[in-house]
N, C-alpha and C. Protein backbone atom coordinates (compact mmCIF):
# COMPACT_ATOMS: atom_id res chain seq x y z
N MET A 1 -18.58 -6.45 -0.96
CA MET A 1 -17.28 -6.62 -0.34
C MET A 1 -16.16 -6.36 -1.34
N LYS A 2 -16.38 -6.81 -2.59
CA LYS A 2 -15.36 -6.63 -3.61
C LYS A 2 -15.13 -5.14 -3.89
N LYS A 3 -16.21 -4.36 -3.89
CA LYS A 3 -16.10 -2.93 -4.15
C LYS A 3 -15.28 -2.25 -3.04
N PHE A 4 -15.49 -2.67 -1.80
CA PHE A 4 -14.73 -2.13 -0.68
C PHE A 4 -13.25 -2.47 -0.81
N GLN A 5 -12.94 -3.70 -1.22
CA GLN A 5 -11.55 -4.13 -1.38
C GLN A 5 -10.85 -3.34 -2.47
N ILE A 6 -11.54 -3.10 -3.58
CA ILE A 6 -10.95 -2.33 -4.67
C ILE A 6 -10.74 -0.88 -4.24
N THR A 7 -11.69 -0.33 -3.51
CA THR A 7 -11.54 1.04 -3.00
C THR A 7 -10.35 1.14 -2.05
N LEU A 8 -10.23 0.17 -1.16
CA LEU A 8 -9.09 0.13 -0.24
C LEU A 8 -7.77 0.00 -0.98
N LEU A 9 -7.77 -0.76 -2.06
CA LEU A 9 -6.57 -0.93 -2.89
C LEU A 9 -6.14 0.40 -3.49
N PHE A 10 -7.07 1.17 -4.01
CA PHE A 10 -6.74 2.47 -4.60
C PHE A 10 -6.31 3.48 -3.54
N ILE A 11 -6.93 3.45 -2.38
CA ILE A 11 -6.52 4.35 -1.29
C ILE A 11 -5.11 4.03 -0.84
N ALA A 12 -4.80 2.74 -0.71
CA ALA A 12 -3.45 2.34 -0.30
C ALA A 12 -2.42 2.75 -1.35
N ALA A 13 -2.77 2.61 -2.62
CA ALA A 13 -1.85 3.02 -3.69
C ALA A 13 -1.62 4.53 -3.66
N THR A 14 -2.66 5.29 -3.37
CA THR A 14 -2.52 6.75 -3.29
C THR A 14 -1.63 7.15 -2.12
N ILE A 15 -1.81 6.52 -0.98
CA ILE A 15 -0.97 6.81 0.19
C ILE A 15 0.47 6.40 -0.08
N LEU A 16 0.67 5.28 -0.78
CA LEU A 16 2.02 4.83 -1.14
C LEU A 16 2.72 5.87 -2.01
N ILE A 17 2.02 6.37 -3.01
CA ILE A 17 2.60 7.39 -3.89
C ILE A 17 2.89 8.68 -3.12
N ALA A 18 2.00 9.05 -2.22
CA ALA A 18 2.22 10.25 -1.41
C ALA A 18 3.46 10.09 -0.54
N ASN A 19 3.66 8.92 0.05
CA ASN A 19 4.84 8.68 0.87
C ASN A 19 6.12 8.74 0.04
N LEU A 20 6.05 8.29 -1.21
CA LEU A 20 7.22 8.39 -2.08
C LEU A 20 7.58 9.85 -2.38
N PHE A 21 6.57 10.70 -2.48
CA PHE A 21 6.83 12.12 -2.72
C PHE A 21 7.33 12.84 -1.46
N LEU A 22 6.98 12.34 -0.28
CA LEU A 22 7.36 13.01 0.97
C LEU A 22 8.76 12.65 1.47
N ILE A 23 9.39 11.68 0.84
CA ILE A 23 10.75 11.30 1.27
C ILE A 23 11.70 12.44 0.98
N ASP A 24 12.59 12.71 1.93
CA ASP A 24 13.66 13.69 1.73
C ASP A 24 14.81 12.97 1.05
N TYR A 25 14.92 13.13 -0.27
CA TYR A 25 15.91 12.40 -1.05
C TYR A 25 17.33 12.92 -0.85
N ASN A 26 17.48 14.06 -0.19
CA ASN A 26 18.83 14.56 0.13
C ASN A 26 19.42 13.83 1.32
N ASP A 27 18.58 13.31 2.20
CA ASP A 27 19.02 12.57 3.38
C ASP A 27 18.11 11.36 3.53
N LEU A 28 18.59 10.19 3.09
CA LEU A 28 17.78 8.98 3.10
C LEU A 28 17.91 8.18 4.39
N SER A 29 18.36 8.80 5.46
CA SER A 29 18.54 8.08 6.72
C SER A 29 17.19 7.74 7.33
N TRP A 30 17.22 6.72 8.19
CA TRP A 30 16.00 6.27 8.87
C TRP A 30 15.47 7.36 9.80
N SER A 31 16.37 8.10 10.45
CA SER A 31 15.92 9.12 11.40
C SER A 31 15.17 10.25 10.69
N LYS A 32 15.51 10.51 9.46
CA LYS A 32 14.85 11.59 8.72
C LYS A 32 13.57 11.13 8.02
N ASN A 33 13.55 9.88 7.55
CA ASN A 33 12.43 9.40 6.73
C ASN A 33 11.76 8.14 7.29
N GLY A 34 11.87 7.88 8.56
CA GLY A 34 11.33 6.67 9.15
C GLY A 34 9.83 6.51 8.94
N GLY A 35 9.10 7.58 9.11
CA GLY A 35 7.65 7.53 8.93
C GLY A 35 7.26 7.19 7.50
N GLN A 36 7.96 7.78 6.55
CA GLN A 36 7.68 7.49 5.15
C GLN A 36 8.03 6.05 4.80
N TYR A 37 9.15 5.55 5.33
CA TYR A 37 9.53 4.15 5.06
C TYR A 37 8.50 3.19 5.63
N LEU A 38 8.04 3.44 6.84
CA LEU A 38 7.01 2.58 7.43
C LEU A 38 5.71 2.66 6.65
N GLY A 39 5.38 3.84 6.17
CA GLY A 39 4.17 4.00 5.35
C GLY A 39 4.28 3.25 4.04
N ILE A 40 5.45 3.29 3.42
CA ILE A 40 5.66 2.57 2.17
C ILE A 40 5.55 1.07 2.39
N ILE A 41 6.18 0.57 3.44
CA ILE A 41 6.14 -0.86 3.73
C ILE A 41 4.71 -1.30 4.04
N SER A 42 4.02 -0.54 4.88
CA SER A 42 2.66 -0.95 5.27
C SER A 42 1.69 -0.89 4.10
N MET A 43 1.76 0.13 3.27
CA MET A 43 0.85 0.22 2.14
C MET A 43 1.16 -0.84 1.09
N THR A 44 2.42 -1.19 0.93
CA THR A 44 2.79 -2.28 0.02
C THR A 44 2.18 -3.59 0.50
N LEU A 45 2.25 -3.84 1.80
CA LEU A 45 1.67 -5.07 2.36
C LEU A 45 0.15 -5.07 2.24
N VAL A 46 -0.48 -3.92 2.41
CA VAL A 46 -1.94 -3.83 2.25
C VAL A 46 -2.32 -4.13 0.80
N ILE A 47 -1.58 -3.57 -0.14
CA ILE A 47 -1.86 -3.80 -1.56
C ILE A 47 -1.70 -5.29 -1.90
N ILE A 48 -0.63 -5.90 -1.42
CA ILE A 48 -0.40 -7.33 -1.69
C ILE A 48 -1.52 -8.17 -1.10
N SER A 49 -1.93 -7.86 0.13
CA SER A 49 -2.99 -8.65 0.76
C SER A 49 -4.33 -8.47 0.04
N MET A 50 -4.62 -7.28 -0.45
CA MET A 50 -5.86 -7.07 -1.18
C MET A 50 -5.85 -7.81 -2.51
N ILE A 51 -4.72 -7.85 -3.19
CA ILE A 51 -4.61 -8.59 -4.45
C ILE A 51 -4.85 -10.07 -4.21
N PHE A 52 -4.20 -10.62 -3.17
CA PHE A 52 -4.41 -12.04 -2.86
C PHE A 52 -5.85 -12.31 -2.43
N SER A 53 -6.44 -11.41 -1.69
CA SER A 53 -7.82 -11.57 -1.25
C SER A 53 -8.78 -11.56 -2.44
N LEU A 54 -8.55 -10.66 -3.38
CA LEU A 54 -9.40 -10.61 -4.57
C LEU A 54 -9.25 -11.88 -5.40
N LYS A 55 -8.01 -12.39 -5.53
CA LYS A 55 -7.79 -13.63 -6.27
C LYS A 55 -8.46 -14.81 -5.58
N LYS A 56 -8.38 -14.86 -4.25
CA LYS A 56 -8.99 -15.95 -3.50
C LYS A 56 -10.51 -15.92 -3.65
N GLY A 57 -11.10 -14.74 -3.63
CA GLY A 57 -12.53 -14.60 -3.82
C GLY A 57 -12.96 -15.04 -5.21
N LYS A 58 -12.14 -14.75 -6.21
CA LYS A 58 -12.44 -15.16 -7.57
C LYS A 58 -12.39 -16.68 -7.70
N GLU A 59 -11.43 -17.33 -7.04
CA GLU A 59 -11.31 -18.78 -7.08
C GLU A 59 -12.50 -19.47 -6.40
N ARG A 60 -13.01 -18.87 -5.34
CA ARG A 60 -14.15 -19.45 -4.64
C ARG A 60 -15.42 -19.44 -5.49
N LYS A 61 -15.58 -18.41 -6.28
CA LYS A 61 -16.78 -18.29 -7.12
C LYS A 61 -16.74 -19.26 -8.29
N ASP A 62 -15.54 -19.62 -8.74
CA ASP A 62 -15.43 -20.54 -9.89
C ASP A 62 -15.68 -21.97 -9.52
């Protein structure tokens, strides 16, 4: 399970970086970059939840 969580963490980080590259920095409006903003928010939340999940799993084993 831990290996899956770490893999998911790296995939989410890769998608987050890709969304940062896909933003149109000439026009930062929601109508132009809404999909990228939602992708950034969702991948950030996935990363945070995986970090907390890994920490919780480590505490249970101790």
